Amino acid sequence: MGGSRATRFWALGLGVVLTAAALGACGDDEESGGGGGSGGGSVPTVEGYEIGAGVNDPEDATIAVLQFLPAKATVPVDTPITWKWSGTEPHSVTFTAPGVEIPPPGADDATWFAPQGDASAPYDGSATVSSGLQPLGAPAQDFQLTFSQPGTYSYYCVIHPQMVGTLDVVADEADAEDPNEIAARGASERDEFLAEGRAAKQALESAPAQRTSNPDGSSTWTVQMGASTPNTDILAFAPVPAEVKAGDSVTFVNESAAPHTASFFGEGAAPIQDPTDPRVNAPAPGPSPQVLRSTGFANTGLLPPNAPPGGAPPLEARSFTFQVPAAGTYSYVCILHAPSNMIGTITAS
């Protein structure tokens, strides 16, 4: 996935927030939407058919639910169905034409990431139609489709393979679910997945810092780049090593199911504003290991996920080491997930 155009679109529109993220600003979630896309603990009341397109935890934006909420619904023909976004992690609502295969994440085809088809026309399943990825540097816009033919329709998010939804469209409105039943089930699934994500983050952050002693008396500390569960991504660097000394090293390891960077913008280095800039993907100032400085730009490059099962890149491809030569504070950010507050700091004494 390293250098493809499609992979770089994971970060499209997110570069504008890098300065705030690097300074430790929180990634506030968007205003809650209906259809199960709102914050934890509430059951929305809706007037029409609404489905949530993922959600970031309103209490902690680093916890992202990667599911449609609810995943399945029975709706009437000739009735608008609306998908709503809530949070900072981008998702798409994508229906494909018969015979069109779901592209793998990182496929080198940027058209998958932009809106496709005519969502204003009645949809019969014969064409591809997509919301495109949202949000990307601007507030997400609701996506609405009206189905002209009964049947079963599957759809997905182009960058989250596990994020698949199903609509059963029925001819008789009496056979459809009530919109509030759908919203309540979406809220129930949302709360279940938020609990799953919160437990995973607690486990990630409470794990003891991994330390390896080196022959020269220094230590190498390991920082995990997030974590993943069947329904969530944890967009956080942890555990945080608290006893780093000058001369120690820090190794970033990606064991999650999402790609990440650890990018340092020291004195004199402006945050990258164009996320398609090749520097996002490339290690800097060169391949691992590198010496970390308080000035200039340092970057792991895009470290691929520990996925798919049984076919993930080797550990060395998912790891990067920086030596910390001097005492000081070194802040860093994952460029792809800066809006979700995926930031960290190395403090060396």
Protein backbone atom coordinates (compact mmCIF):
# COMPACT_ATOMS: atom_id res chain seq x y z
CA MET A 1 0.00 0.00 0.00
CA GLY A 2 3.01 2.24 0.51
CA GLY A 3 3.09 4.55 -2.49
CA SER A 4 -0.23 4.11 -4.28
CA ARG A 5 -2.46 7.08 -5.04
CA ALA A 6 -5.37 5.37 -3.34
CA THR A 7 -3.48 4.88 -0.09
CA ARG A 8 -2.56 8.55 -0.06
CA PHE A 9 -6.25 9.43 -0.32
CA TRP A 10 -6.66 8.03 3.23
CA ALA A 11 -5.25 11.39 4.26
CA LEU A 12 -6.84 13.60 1.60
CA GLY A 13 -7.95 16.89 3.08
CA LEU A 14 -6.53 16.13 6.52
CA GLY A 15 -3.26 18.03 6.24
CA VAL A 16 -4.86 21.29 7.31
CA VAL A 17 -5.22 20.00 10.85
CA LEU A 18 -1.65 18.84 11.33
CA THR A 19 -0.45 21.98 13.07
CA ALA A 20 -3.17 21.75 15.70
CA ALA A 21 -2.65 18.03 16.12
CA ALA A 22 1.06 18.38 16.60
CA LEU A 23 0.41 20.91 19.33
CA GLY A 24 -1.87 18.48 21.13
CA ALA A 25 -5.26 19.85 20.12
CA CYS A 26 -8.12 17.41 20.55
CA GLY A 27 -9.98 16.05 17.54
CA ASP A 28 -13.56 16.97 18.38
CA ASP A 29 -16.21 14.72 16.90
CA GLU A 30 -18.88 16.08 14.58
CA GLU A 31 -22.37 16.85 15.72
CA SER A 32 -24.18 13.59 16.32
CA GLY A 33 -26.36 12.27 13.54
CA GLY A 34 -29.37 9.96 13.64
CA GLY A 35 -29.72 6.35 12.64
CA GLY A 36 -27.28 5.06 15.24
CA GLY A 37 -24.56 7.54 14.32
CA SER A 38 -24.90 9.64 17.45
CA GLY A 39 -22.89 9.55 20.64
CA GLY A 40 -22.95 6.68 23.11
CA GLY A 41 -25.89 6.16 25.42
CA SER A 42 -28.69 7.86 23.46
CA VAL A 43 -31.40 6.39 21.23
CA PRO A 44 -32.35 8.88 18.52
CA THR A 45 -35.91 9.57 17.40
CA VAL A 46 -36.07 9.95 13.64
CA GLU A 47 -38.68 10.94 11.09
CA GLY A 48 -37.24 9.01 8.15
CA TYR A 49 -34.99 6.03 7.46
CA GLU A 50 -31.48 6.81 8.71
CA ILE A 51 -28.31 4.73 9.03
CA GLY A 52 -25.04 5.77 10.68
CA ALA A 53 -21.82 5.60 8.65
CA GLY A 54 -19.42 4.76 11.48
CA VAL A 55 -18.78 6.89 14.53
CA ASN A 56 -15.93 8.22 16.65
CA ASP A 57 -16.43 7.91 20.38
CA PRO A 58 -17.83 11.30 21.50
CA GLU A 59 -15.80 10.92 24.69
CA ASP A 60 -12.57 9.91 22.92
CA ALA A 61 -12.10 10.55 19.19
CA THR A 62 -9.23 8.04 19.05
CA ILE A 63 -11.81 5.23 19.24
CA ALA A 64 -13.41 4.74 15.82
CA VAL A 65 -16.29 2.34 15.17
CA LEU A 66 -15.92 0.86 11.70
CA GLN A 67 -19.45 -0.37 11.05
CA PHE A 68 -22.69 0.83 9.54
CA LEU A 69 -25.22 1.41 12.30
CA PRO A 70 -27.19 -0.75 12.01
CA ALA A 71 -25.48 -3.17 9.65
CA LYS A 72 -28.81 -4.55 8.36
CA ALA A 73 -32.22 -2.98 7.82
CA THR A 74 -35.49 -3.71 6.03
CA VAL A 75 -36.86 -0.65 4.25
CA PRO A 76 -39.68 0.11 1.77
CA VAL A 77 -39.25 0.67 -1.94
CA ASP A 78 -39.56 4.24 -3.29
CA THR A 79 -38.58 5.72 0.09
CA PRO A 80 -35.45 7.83 0.73
CA ILE A 81 -32.78 6.18 2.90
CA THR A 82 -30.26 8.56 4.47
CA TRP A 83 -26.75 7.78 5.72
CA LYS A 84 -25.23 10.13 8.28
CA TRP A 85 -21.63 10.59 9.40
CA SER A 86 -20.57 11.29 12.98
CA GLY A 87 -16.95 11.82 13.91
CA THR A 88 -13.60 12.35 12.26
CA GLU A 89 -12.74 8.98 10.68
CA PRO A 90 -13.73 9.00 6.98
CA HIS A 91 -16.03 6.37 5.47
CA SER A 92 -17.87 5.83 2.22
CA VAL A 93 -21.26 4.39 1.37
CA THR A 94 -20.58 2.52 -1.86
CA PHE A 95 -22.92 0.35 -3.94
CA THR A 96 -21.38 -1.44 -6.91
CA ALA A 97 -22.93 -2.56 -10.16
CA PRO A 98 -23.33 -6.32 -10.78
CA GLY A 99 -20.01 -7.93 -11.63
CA VAL A 100 -17.97 -5.05 -10.22
CA GLU A 101 -15.63 -6.41 -7.57
CA ILE A 102 -14.93 -4.63 -4.32
CA PRO A 103 -11.44 -3.16 -4.72
CA PRO A 104 -8.90 -4.02 -2.01
CA PRO A 105 -7.82 -1.20 0.30
CA GLY A 106 -4.96 0.65 -1.34
CA ALA A 107 -6.02 -0.21 -4.89
CA ASP A 108 -4.40 2.28 -7.24
CA ASP A 109 -7.65 3.82 -8.45
CA ALA A 110 -8.49 7.21 -6.98
CA THR A 111 -11.99 7.12 -8.47
CA TRP A 112 -13.09 4.84 -5.62
CA PHE A 113 -12.50 7.66 -3.18
CA ALA A 114 -14.60 10.35 -4.91
CA PRO A 115 -18.41 10.39 -5.29
CA GLN A 116 -19.69 8.25 -8.15
CA GLY A 117 -22.97 7.87 -9.96
CA ASP A 118 -26.18 9.85 -9.65
CA ALA A 119 -27.56 9.51 -6.13
CA SER A 120 -30.50 11.77 -6.99
CA ALA A 121 -31.95 9.23 -9.44
CA PRO A 122 -33.97 6.18 -8.29
CA TYR A 123 -31.52 3.33 -7.74
CA ASP A 124 -32.16 -0.16 -9.13
CA GLY A 125 -28.79 -1.79 -8.41
CA SER A 126 -27.60 -1.78 -12.02
CA ALA A 127 -24.92 0.90 -11.59
CA THR A 128 -22.21 1.93 -9.17
CA VAL A 129 -23.07 4.81 -6.88
CA SER A 130 -20.99 6.09 -3.97
CA SER A 131 -20.90 8.91 -1.46
CA GLY A 132 -17.13 9.10 -1.71
CA LEU A 133 -15.02 9.27 1.45
CA GLN A 134 -16.32 11.64 4.12
CA PRO A 135 -15.33 13.69 6.04
CA LEU A 136 -12.16 14.84 4.31
CA GLY A 137 -11.25 18.29 5.52
CA ALA A 138 -14.86 19.51 5.41
CA PRO A 139 -18.07 18.58 7.22
CA ALA A 140 -19.66 15.39 5.93
CA GLN A 141 -22.80 15.70 3.83
CA ASP A 142 -25.70 13.27 4.27
CA PHE A 143 -25.95 10.67 1.51
CA GLN A 144 -29.42 9.63 0.33
CA LEU A 145 -30.71 6.97 -2.04
CA THR A 146 -34.20 5.91 -3.06
CA PHE A 147 -34.53 2.32 -4.27
CA SER A 148 -36.86 1.73 -7.20
CA GLN A 149 -36.82 -2.08 -7.09
CA PRO A 150 -37.34 -4.56 -4.23
CA GLY A 151 -34.37 -6.78 -3.47
CA THR A 152 -31.31 -7.20 -1.26
CA TYR A 153 -28.60 -4.60 -1.68
CA SER A 154 -25.12 -4.82 -0.13
CA TYR A 155 -22.79 -1.87 0.24
CA TYR A 156 -19.43 -1.13 1.87
CA CYS A 157 -16.79 1.43 2.87
CA VAL A 158 -13.90 1.54 0.40
CA ILE A 159 -11.16 1.81 3.07
CA HIS A 160 -12.58 -0.46 5.79
CA PRO A 161 -13.10 -3.99 4.41
CA GLN A 162 -15.07 -5.19 7.43
CA MET A 163 -17.55 -2.34 7.06
CA VAL A 164 -20.38 -3.93 5.05
CA GLY A 165 -24.08 -3.12 5.18
CA THR A 166 -27.18 -4.83 3.83
CA LEU A 167 -30.58 -3.39 2.91
CA ASP A 168 -33.60 -5.57 2.27
CA VAL A 169 -35.90 -3.40 0.17
CA VAL A 170 -39.51 -4.63 0.26
CA ALA A 171 -42.48 -3.77 -1.95
CA ASP A 172 -45.04 -3.64 0.86
CA GLU A 173 -44.42 -0.89 3.39
CA ALA A 174 -46.10 -3.04 6.03
CA ASP A 175 -43.20 -5.49 5.74
CA ALA A 176 -40.59 -2.78 6.40
CA GLU A 177 -39.18 -1.93 9.80
CA ASP A 178 -40.26 1.22 11.55
CA PRO A 179 -37.56 3.92 11.19
CA ASN A 180 -37.26 4.22 14.96
CA GLU A 181 -36.71 0.46 15.27
CA ILE A 182 -33.79 0.80 12.87
CA ALA A 183 -32.43 3.80 14.77
CA ALA A 184 -32.72 1.98 18.10
CA ARG A 185 -30.89 -1.08 16.77
CA GLY A 186 -28.19 1.19 15.33
CA ALA A 187 -27.80 2.85 18.72
CA SER A 188 -27.56 -0.53 20.42
CA GLU A 189 -24.87 -1.71 18.00
CA ARG A 190 -23.05 1.60 18.41
CA ASP A 191 -22.96 1.27 22.19
CA GLU A 192 -21.78 -2.35 21.96
CA PHE A 193 -18.93 -1.42 19.62
CA LEU A 194 -17.95 1.64 21.63
CA ALA A 195 -17.63 -0.58 24.69
CA GLU A 196 -15.47 -2.95 22.64
CA GLY A 197 -13.24 -0.08 21.53
CA ARG A 198 -12.96 1.44 25.00
CA ALA A 199 -11.87 -1.90 26.44
CA ALA A 200 -9.29 -2.28 23.68
CA LYS A 201 -7.86 1.17 24.29
CA GLN A 202 -7.70 0.56 28.03
CA ALA A 203 -5.79 -2.65 27.38
CA LEU A 204 -3.45 -0.88 24.96
CA GLU A 205 -2.66 1.97 27.33
CA SER A 206 -2.41 -0.12 30.48
CA ALA A 207 0.12 -2.55 29.03
CA PRO A 208 3.61 -2.07 30.50
CA ALA A 209 6.05 -0.19 28.32
CA GLN A 210 8.22 -2.66 26.40
CA ARG A 211 11.90 -2.13 27.07
CA THR A 212 14.92 -3.98 25.70
CA SER A 213 18.38 -3.45 27.19
CA ASN A 214 21.17 -2.90 24.68
CA PRO A 215 24.85 -3.95 25.09
CA ASP A 216 25.96 -0.31 25.31
CA GLY A 217 23.73 0.31 28.34
CA SER A 218 21.01 2.12 26.44
CA SER A 219 17.44 0.89 26.07
CA THR A 220 15.09 0.41 23.14
CA TRP A 221 11.44 1.19 23.83
CA THR A 222 8.55 -0.11 21.73
CA VAL A 223 5.50 2.03 20.96
CA GLN A 224 2.46 0.39 19.36
CA MET A 225 0.79 2.34 16.56
CA GLY A 226 -2.83 1.81 17.50
CA ALA A 227 -4.79 -1.40 17.81
CA SER A 228 -7.78 -2.99 16.12
CA THR A 229 -10.77 -5.11 17.09
CA PRO A 230 -13.34 -6.74 14.80
CA ASN A 231 -15.42 -3.53 14.86
CA THR A 232 -13.08 -0.70 15.85
CA ASP A 233 -9.73 0.97 15.31
CA ILE A 234 -7.86 2.48 18.26
CA LEU A 235 -6.04 5.51 16.87
CA ALA A 236 -3.51 6.04 19.65
CA PHE A 237 0.20 5.54 20.29
CA ALA A 238 0.75 3.43 23.41
CA PRO A 239 2.04 2.47 25.83
CA VAL A 240 3.93 5.68 26.47
CA PRO A 241 7.49 5.03 27.69
CA ALA A 242 8.07 7.24 30.74
CA GLU A 243 11.77 6.61 31.38
CA VAL A 244 13.46 7.39 28.06
CA LYS A 245 17.03 8.58 28.50
CA ALA A 246 19.28 10.40 26.07
CA GLY A 247 20.89 7.72 23.91
CA ASP A 248 17.87 5.38 24.05
CA SER A 249 15.91 4.34 20.99
CA VAL A 250 12.18 4.18 20.30
CA THR A 251 10.77 1.63 17.86
CA PHE A 252 7.32 2.23 16.39
CA VAL A 253 5.49 -1.00 15.51
CA ASN A 254 2.22 -1.27 13.61
CA GLU A 255 0.28 -4.33 14.78
CA SER A 256 -3.09 -2.76 13.96
CA ALA A 257 -5.30 -3.28 10.90
CA ALA A 258 -4.82 0.29 9.64
CA PRO A 259 -1.80 2.05 8.11
CA HIS A 260 -0.11 4.73 10.21
CA THR A 261 2.79 7.16 10.29
CA ALA A 262 4.78 8.62 13.19
CA SER A 263 5.78 12.01 11.82
CA PHE A 264 7.91 14.58 13.66
CA PHE A 265 7.83 18.26 12.67
CA GLY A 266 10.73 19.83 14.53
CA GLU A 267 11.89 23.42 14.54
CA GLY A 268 12.01 24.79 11.01
CA ALA A 269 9.80 22.04 9.55
CA ALA A 270 6.31 23.13 8.53
CA PRO A 271 3.61 20.47 8.76
CA ILE A 272 2.88 18.84 5.43
CA GLN A 273 -0.22 20.53 4.04
CA ASP A 274 -0.60 18.28 1.00
CA PRO A 275 -1.24 14.70 2.16
CA THR A 276 -0.50 13.40 -1.33
CA ASP A 277 3.04 14.73 -0.93
CA PRO A 278 5.45 11.80 -1.43
CA ARG A 279 7.07 12.65 1.91
CA VAL A 280 4.01 11.24 3.69
CA ASN A 281 4.83 7.76 2.45
CA ALA A 282 8.63 7.91 2.52
CA PRO A 283 10.85 7.37 5.58
CA ALA A 284 12.81 10.48 6.51
CA PRO A 285 15.55 11.44 6.62
CA GLY A 286 16.17 7.89 5.44
CA PRO A 287 15.50 4.22 6.21
CA SER A 288 15.31 2.94 9.77
CA PRO A 289 17.12 3.42 12.10
CA GLN A 290 17.44 7.21 12.19
CA VAL A 291 18.63 9.77 14.74
CA LEU A 292 15.82 11.99 15.99
CA ARG A 293 16.51 15.73 16.03
CA SER A 294 14.70 18.69 17.53
CA THR A 295 14.84 20.36 14.13
CA GLY A 296 13.62 19.34 10.70
CA PHE A 297 11.25 16.63 9.52
CA ALA A 298 11.48 12.97 10.55
CA ASN A 299 9.04 10.30 9.45
CA THR A 300 8.52 6.57 9.63
CA GLY A 301 6.83 6.75 6.27
CA LEU A 302 3.58 4.90 5.84
CA LEU A 303 3.86 1.70 7.89
CA PRO A 304 1.45 -0.91 6.53
CA PRO A 305 -1.09 -2.72 8.72
CA ASN A 306 -0.74 -6.18 10.17
CA ALA A 307 -3.26 -7.41 7.63
CA PRO A 308 -4.67 -9.37 5.93
CA PRO A 309 -4.54 -12.39 8.28
CA GLY A 310 -1.87 -14.75 7.07
CA GLY A 311 -0.66 -12.31 4.44
CA ALA A 312 0.57 -9.29 6.37
CA PRO A 313 3.89 -7.60 5.56
CA PRO A 314 6.79 -8.82 7.72
CA LEU A 315 7.44 -7.12 11.06
CA GLU A 316 10.47 -5.26 9.74
CA ALA A 317 8.24 -3.58 7.13
CA ARG A 318 5.85 -2.51 9.88
CA SER A 319 8.52 -1.11 12.22
CA PHE A 320 10.76 1.94 12.38
CA THR A 321 13.37 2.97 14.96
CA PHE A 322 14.54 6.40 16.04
CA GLN A 323 17.50 7.00 18.36
CA VAL A 324 16.96 9.86 20.83
CA PRO A 325 20.42 11.46 21.18
CA ALA A 326 19.58 14.28 23.58
CA ALA A 327 17.19 15.17 26.36
CA GLY A 328 14.07 16.97 25.22
CA THR A 329 10.47 16.66 24.11
CA TYR A 330 9.67 15.30 20.67
CA SER A 331 6.04 15.45 19.52
CA TYR A 332 4.71 13.41 16.65
CA VAL A 333 1.48 12.67 14.79
CA CYS A 334 -0.02 10.08 12.48
CA ILE A 335 -0.72 12.16 9.40
CA LEU A 336 -3.56 9.90 8.30
CA HIS A 337 -5.40 10.10 11.63
CA ALA A 338 -4.51 13.54 12.94
CA PRO A 339 -8.20 14.64 13.01
CA SER A 340 -8.88 11.76 15.41
CA ASN A 341 -6.13 13.08 17.71
CA MET A 342 -3.61 10.33 16.99
CA ILE A 343 -0.64 12.18 18.48
CA GLY A 344 2.16 11.35 20.87
CA THR A 345 5.22 12.69 22.67
CA ILE A 346 8.61 11.27 23.55
CA THR A 347 10.07 12.93 26.65
CA ALA A 348 13.72 12.09 27.20
CA SER A 349 15.79 13.05 30.23
